[in-house]
Amino acid sequence: MLHQRNWHTSSYTSQDSCVEVADDDPDIVMVRDTKDQGRGVMSVTPVGWAVFVEYVKQL
């Protein structure tokens, strides 16, 4: 059975330039382009995603 992802966007992004994130699976975080959802999905580990988010916060 396929898991229905809970895609969401950040409240800090604009409608024309953002990504959607599905982080409701404890084993994987999925990221996709909001404007072109069928183009593909990037998958990362939750630890990798947390490291990325902390890095971006420092920019």
PDB file of N, CA and C in Angstrom:
ATOM      1  N   MET A   1       0.843  -1.184   0.000  1.00  0.00           N
ATOM      2  CA  MET A   1       0.000   0.000   0.000  1.00  0.00           C
ATOM      3  C   MET A   1       0.888   1.248   0.000  1.00  0.00           C
ATOM      4  N   LEU A   2       0.562   2.202  -0.852  1.00  0.00           N
ATOM      5  CA  LEU A   2       1.322   3.435  -0.927  1.00  0.00           C
ATOM      6  C   LEU A   2       0.941   4.383   0.199  1.00  0.00           C
ATOM      7  N   HIS A   3       1.935   5.055   0.731  1.00  0.00           N
ATOM      8  CA  HIS A   3       1.731   6.021   1.801  1.00  0.00           C
ATOM      9  C   HIS A   3       1.385   7.374   1.184  1.00  0.00           C
ATOM     10  N   GLN A   4       0.291   7.969   1.582  1.00  0.00           N
ATOM     11  CA  GLN A   4      -0.092   9.299   1.096  1.00  0.00           C
ATOM     12  C   GLN A   4       0.735  10.336   1.852  1.00  0.00           C
ATOM     13  N   ARG A   5       1.556  11.068   1.127  1.00  0.00           N
ATOM     14  CA  ARG A   5       2.449  12.051   1.741  1.00  0.00           C
ATOM     15  C   ARG A   5       1.708  13.300   2.190  1.00  0.00           C
ATOM     16  N   ASN A   6       2.208  13.897   3.257  1.00  0.00           N
ATOM     17  CA  ASN A   6       1.666  15.152   3.777  1.00  0.00           C
ATOM     18  C   ASN A   6       2.589  16.282   3.328  1.00  0.00           C
ATOM     19  N   TRP A   7       2.382  16.777   2.110  1.00  0.00           N
ATOM     20  CA  TRP A   7       3.230  17.834   1.547  1.00  0.00           C
ATOM     21  C   TRP A   7       2.847  19.176   2.143  1.00  0.00           C
ATOM     22  N   HIS A   8       3.857  19.987   2.463  1.00  0.00           N
ATOM     23  CA  HIS A   8       3.603  21.334   2.971  1.00  0.00           C
ATOM     24  C   HIS A   8       4.728  22.264   2.563  1.00  0.00           C
ATOM     25  N   THR A   9       4.458  23.560   2.596  1.00  0.00           N
ATOM     26  CA  THR A   9       5.464  24.575   2.278  1.00  0.00           C
ATOM     27  C   THR A   9       5.757  25.404   3.514  1.00  0.00           C
ATOM     28  N   SER A  10       6.855  26.084   3.497  1.00  0.00           N
ATOM     29  CA  SER A  10       7.223  26.969   4.599  1.00  0.00           C
ATOM     30  C   SER A  10       6.416  28.253   4.521  1.00  0.00           C
ATOM     31  N   SER A  11       6.093  28.808   5.647  1.00  0.00           N
ATOM     32  CA  SER A  11       5.390  30.092   5.678  1.00  0.00           C
ATOM     33  C   SER A  11       6.317  31.242   5.304  1.00  0.00           C
ATOM     34  N   TYR A  12       7.622  30.982   5.198  1.00  0.00           N
ATOM     35  CA  TYR A  12       8.600  32.017   4.851  1.00  0.00           C
ATOM     36  C   TYR A  12       8.840  32.136   3.351  1.00  0.00           C
ATOM     37  N   THR A  13       8.248  31.264   2.554  1.00  0.00           N
ATOM     38  CA  THR A  13       8.498  31.279   1.118  1.00  0.00           C
ATOM     39  C   THR A  13       7.365  31.968   0.372  1.00  0.00           C
ATOM     40  N   SER A  14       7.686  32.438  -0.839  1.00  0.00           N
ATOM     41  CA  SER A  14       6.660  33.041  -1.685  1.00  0.00           C
ATOM     42  C   SER A  14       6.059  31.963  -2.572  1.00  0.00           C
ATOM     43  N   GLN A  15       4.933  32.262  -3.166  1.00  0.00           N
ATOM     44  CA  GLN A  15       4.247  31.290  -4.003  1.00  0.00           C
ATOM     45  C   GLN A  15       5.027  30.957  -5.267  1.00  0.00           C
ATOM     46  N   ASP A  16       5.825  31.875  -5.777  1.00  0.00           N
ATOM     47  CA  ASP A  16       6.500  31.637  -7.053  1.00  0.00           C
ATOM     48  C   ASP A  16       7.885  31.018  -6.917  1.00  0.00           C
ATOM     49  N   SER A  17       8.359  30.827  -5.724  1.00  0.00           N
ATOM     50  CA  SER A  17       9.701  30.237  -5.581  1.00  0.00           C
ATOM     51  C   SER A  17       9.819  29.474  -4.269  1.00  0.00           C
ATOM     52  N   CYS A  18       9.228  28.299  -4.238  1.00  0.00           N
ATOM     53  CA  CYS A  18       9.359  27.513  -3.015  1.00  0.00           C
ATOM     54  C   CYS A  18       9.326  26.028  -3.327  1.00  0.00           C
ATOM     55  N   VAL A  19       9.629  25.263  -2.334  1.00  0.00           N
ATOM     56  CA  VAL A  19       9.578  23.815  -2.436  1.00  0.00           C
ATOM     57  C   VAL A  19       8.557  23.305  -1.430  1.00  0.00           C
ATOM     58  N   GLU A  20       8.096  22.103  -1.680  1.00  0.00           N
ATOM     59  CA  GLU A  20       7.222  21.417  -0.741  1.00  0.00           C
ATOM     60  C   GLU A  20       8.015  20.295  -0.090  1.00  0.00           C
ATOM     61  N   VAL A  21       7.699  20.035   1.163  1.00  0.00           N
ATOM     62  CA  VAL A  21       8.401  19.010   1.932  1.00  0.00           C
ATOM     63  C   VAL A  21       7.379  18.048   2.516  1.00  0.00           C
ATOM     64  N   ALA A  22       7.679  16.767   2.424  1.00  0.00           N
ATOM     65  CA  ALA A  22       6.880  15.731   3.089  1.00  0.00           C
ATOM     66  C   ALA A  22       7.793  15.089   4.129  1.00  0.00           C
ATOM     67  N   ASP A  23       7.538  15.391   5.387  1.00  0.00           N
ATOM     68  CA  ASP A  23       8.397  14.885   6.463  1.00  0.00           C
ATOM     69  C   ASP A  23       7.617  14.054   7.470  1.00  0.00           C
ATOM     70  N   ASP A  24       6.558  13.407   6.996  1.00  0.00           N
ATOM     71  CA  ASP A  24       5.717  12.618   7.888  1.00  0.00           C
ATOM     72  C   ASP A  24       6.124  11.146   7.969  1.00  0.00           C
ATOM     73  N   ASP A  25       7.197  10.779   7.292  1.00  0.00           N
ATOM     74  CA  ASP A  25       7.722   9.417   7.354  1.00  0.00           C
ATOM     75  C   ASP A  25       8.989   9.450   8.210  1.00  0.00           C
ATOM     76  N   PRO A  26       9.109   8.621   9.222  1.00  0.00           N
ATOM     77  CA  PRO A  26      10.283   8.683  10.097  1.00  0.00           C
ATOM     78  C   PRO A  26      11.587   8.257   9.415  1.00  0.00           C
ATOM     79  N   ASP A  27      11.490   7.634   8.242  1.00  0.00           N
ATOM     80  CA  ASP A  27      12.688   7.128   7.572  1.00  0.00           C
ATOM     81  C   ASP A  27      13.178   7.986   6.414  1.00  0.00           C
ATOM     82  N   ILE A  28      12.354   8.929   5.929  1.00  0.00           N
ATOM     83  CA  ILE A  28      12.732   9.682   4.737  1.00  0.00           C
ATOM     84  C   ILE A  28      12.017  11.030   4.701  1.00  0.00           C
ATOM     85  N   VAL A  29      12.707  12.033   4.190  1.00  0.00           N
ATOM     86  CA  VAL A  29      12.115  13.354   3.947  1.00  0.00           C
ATOM     87  C   VAL A  29      12.164  13.562   2.438  1.00  0.00           C
ATOM     88  N   MET A  30      11.038  13.958   1.868  1.00  0.00           N
ATOM     89  CA  MET A  30      10.953  14.153   0.427  1.00  0.00           C
ATOM     90  C   MET A  30      10.748  15.634   0.128  1.00  0.00           C
ATOM     91  N   VAL A  31      11.402  16.117  -0.950  1.00  0.00           N
ATOM     92  CA  VAL A  31      11.348  17.530  -1.329  1.00  0.00           C
ATOM     93  C   VAL A  31      11.023  17.601  -2.816  1.00  0.00           C
ATOM     94  N   ARG A  32      10.118  18.532  -3.194  1.00  0.00           N
ATOM     95  CA  ARG A  32       9.784  18.719  -4.602  1.00  0.00           C
ATOM     96  C   ARG A  32       9.504  20.187  -4.887  1.00  0.00           C
ATOM     97  N   ASP A  33       9.568  20.545  -6.151  1.00  0.00           N
ATOM     98  CA  ASP A  33       9.287  21.896  -6.625  1.00  0.00           C
ATOM     99  C   ASP A  33       7.778  22.127  -6.586  1.00  0.00           C
ATOM    100  N   THR A  34       7.341  23.218  -5.979  1.00  0.00           N
ATOM    101  CA  THR A  34       5.919  23.508  -5.881  1.00  0.00           C
ATOM    102  C   THR A  34       5.288  23.749  -7.248  1.00  0.00           C
ATOM    103  N   LYS A  35       6.017  24.436  -8.127  1.00  0.00           N
ATOM    104  CA  LYS A  35       5.457  24.786  -9.435  1.00  0.00           C
ATOM    105  C   LYS A  35       5.479  23.623 -10.420  1.00  0.00           C
ATOM    106  N   ASP A  36       6.328  22.643 -10.217  1.00  0.00           N
ATOM    107  CA  ASP A  36       6.459  21.529 -11.155  1.00  0.00           C
ATOM    108  C   ASP A  36       6.534  20.222 -10.370  1.00  0.00           C
ATOM    109  N   GLN A  37       5.440  19.856  -9.743  1.00  0.00           N
ATOM    110  CA  GLN A  37       5.417  18.716  -8.829  1.00  0.00           C
ATOM    111  C   GLN A  37       5.730  17.390  -9.511  1.00  0.00           C
ATOM    112  N   GLY A  38       5.460  17.283 -10.800  1.00  0.00           N
ATOM    113  CA  GLY A  38       5.708  16.037 -11.507  1.00  0.00           C
ATOM    114  C   GLY A  38       7.129  15.873 -11.992  1.00  0.00           C
ATOM    115  N   ARG A  39       7.955  16.873 -11.813  1.00  0.00           N
ATOM    116  CA  ARG A  39       9.320  16.841 -12.334  1.00  0.00           C
ATOM    117  C   ARG A  39      10.213  15.847 -11.593  1.00  0.00           C
ATOM    118  N   GLY A  40       9.955  15.627 -10.351  1.00  0.00           N
ATOM    119  CA  GLY A  40      10.763  14.691  -9.586  1.00  0.00           C
ATOM    120  C   GLY A  40      10.771  15.037  -8.118  1.00  0.00           C
ATOM    121  N   VAL A  41      11.272  14.124  -7.339  1.00  0.00           N
ATOM    122  CA  VAL A  41      11.326  14.267  -5.885  1.00  0.00           C
ATOM    123  C   VAL A  41      12.736  13.938  -5.422  1.00  0.00           C
ATOM    124  N   MET A  42      13.246  14.751  -4.525  1.00  0.00           N
ATOM    125  CA  MET A  42      14.538  14.482  -3.893  1.00  0.00           C
ATOM    126  C   MET A  42      14.251  13.875  -2.523  1.00  0.00           C
ATOM    127  N   SER A  43      14.905  12.784  -2.217  1.00  0.00           N
ATOM    128  CA  SER A  43      14.722  12.107  -0.936  1.00  0.00           C
ATOM    129  C   SER A  43      16.001  12.175  -0.123  1.00  0.00           C
ATOM    130  N   VAL A  44      15.864  12.500   1.152  1.00  0.00           N
ATOM    131  CA  VAL A  44      17.006  12.565   2.061  1.00  0.00           C
ATOM    132  C   VAL A  44      16.619  11.932   3.394  1.00  0.00           C
ATOM    133  N   THR A  45      17.622  11.625   4.191  1.00  0.00           N
ATOM    134  CA  THR A  45      17.342  11.093   5.525  1.00  0.00           C
ATOM    135  C   THR A  45      16.873  12.233   6.429  1.00  0.00           C
ATOM    136  N   PRO A  46      16.128  11.933   7.467  1.00  0.00           N
ATOM    137  CA  PRO A  46      15.732  12.983   8.404  1.00  0.00           C
ATOM    138  C   PRO A  46      16.936  13.704   9.021  1.00  0.00           C
ATOM    139  N   VAL A  47      18.011  12.983   9.299  1.00  0.00           N
ATOM    140  CA  VAL A  47      19.209  13.618   9.852  1.00  0.00           C
ATOM    141  C   VAL A  47      19.812  14.574   8.832  1.00  0.00           C
ATOM    142  N   GLY A  48      19.903  14.135   7.585  1.00  0.00           N
ATOM    143  CA  GLY A  48      20.433  14.997   6.527  1.00  0.00           C
ATOM    144  C   GLY A  48      19.596  16.248   6.341  1.00  0.00           C
ATOM    145  N   TRP A  49      18.272  16.095   6.416  1.00  0.00           N
ATOM    146  CA  TRP A  49      17.376  17.246   6.281  1.00  0.00           C
ATOM    147  C   TRP A  49      17.568  18.214   7.441  1.00  0.00           C
ATOM    148  N   ALA A  50      17.685  17.699   8.651  1.00  0.00           N
ATOM    149  CA  ALA A  50      17.879  18.552   9.828  1.00  0.00           C
ATOM    150  C   ALA A  50      19.185  19.335   9.725  1.00  0.00           C
ATOM    151  N   VAL A  51      20.247  18.691   9.245  1.00  0.00           N
ATOM    152  CA  VAL A  51      21.531  19.378   9.067  1.00  0.00           C
ATOM    153  C   VAL A  51      21.387  20.488   8.030  1.00  0.00           C
ATOM    154  N   PHE A  52      20.710  20.205   6.917  1.00  0.00           N
ATOM    155  CA  PHE A  52      20.485  21.205   5.875  1.00  0.00           C
ATOM    156  C   PHE A  52      19.697  22.398   6.416  1.00  0.00           C
ATOM    157  N   VAL A  53      18.623  22.146   7.134  1.00  0.00           N
ATOM    158  CA  VAL A  53      17.789  23.226   7.679  1.00  0.00           C
ATOM    159  C   VAL A  53      18.593  24.089   8.645  1.00  0.00           C
ATOM    160  N   GLU A  54      19.377  23.485   9.507  1.00  0.00           N
ATOM    161  CA  GLU A  54      20.196  24.266  10.439  1.00  0.00           C
ATOM    162  C   GLU A  54      21.223  25.102   9.700  1.00  0.00           C
ATOM    163  N   TYR A  55      21.797  24.579   8.633  1.00  0.00           N
ATOM    164  CA  TYR A  55      22.759  25.328   7.832  1.00  0.00           C
ATOM    165  C   TYR A  55      22.089  26.545   7.185  1.00  0.00           C
ATOM    166  N   VAL A  56      20.921  26.333   6.602  1.00  0.00           N
ATOM    167  CA  VAL A  56      20.212  27.415   5.925  1.00  0.00           C
ATOM    168  C   VAL A  56      19.816  28.516   6.915  1.00  0.00           C
ATOM    169  N   LYS A  57      19.474  28.149   8.115  1.00  0.00           N
ATOM    170  CA  LYS A  57      19.124  29.150   9.138  1.00  0.00           C
ATOM    171  C   LYS A  57      20.278  30.099   9.439  1.00  0.00           C
ATOM    172  N   GLN A  58      21.503  29.640   9.218  1.00  0.00           N
ATOM    173  CA  GLN A  58      22.676  30.454   9.516  1.00  0.00           C
ATOM    174  C   GLN A  58      23.038  31.432   8.386  1.00  0.00           C
ATOM    175  N   LEU A  59      22.411  31.271   7.230  1.00  0.00           N
ATOM    176  CA  LEU A  59      22.723  32.134   6.083  1.00  0.00           C
ATOM    177  C   LEU A  59      22.140  33.513   6.231  1.00  0.00           C
TER     178      LEU A  59
END
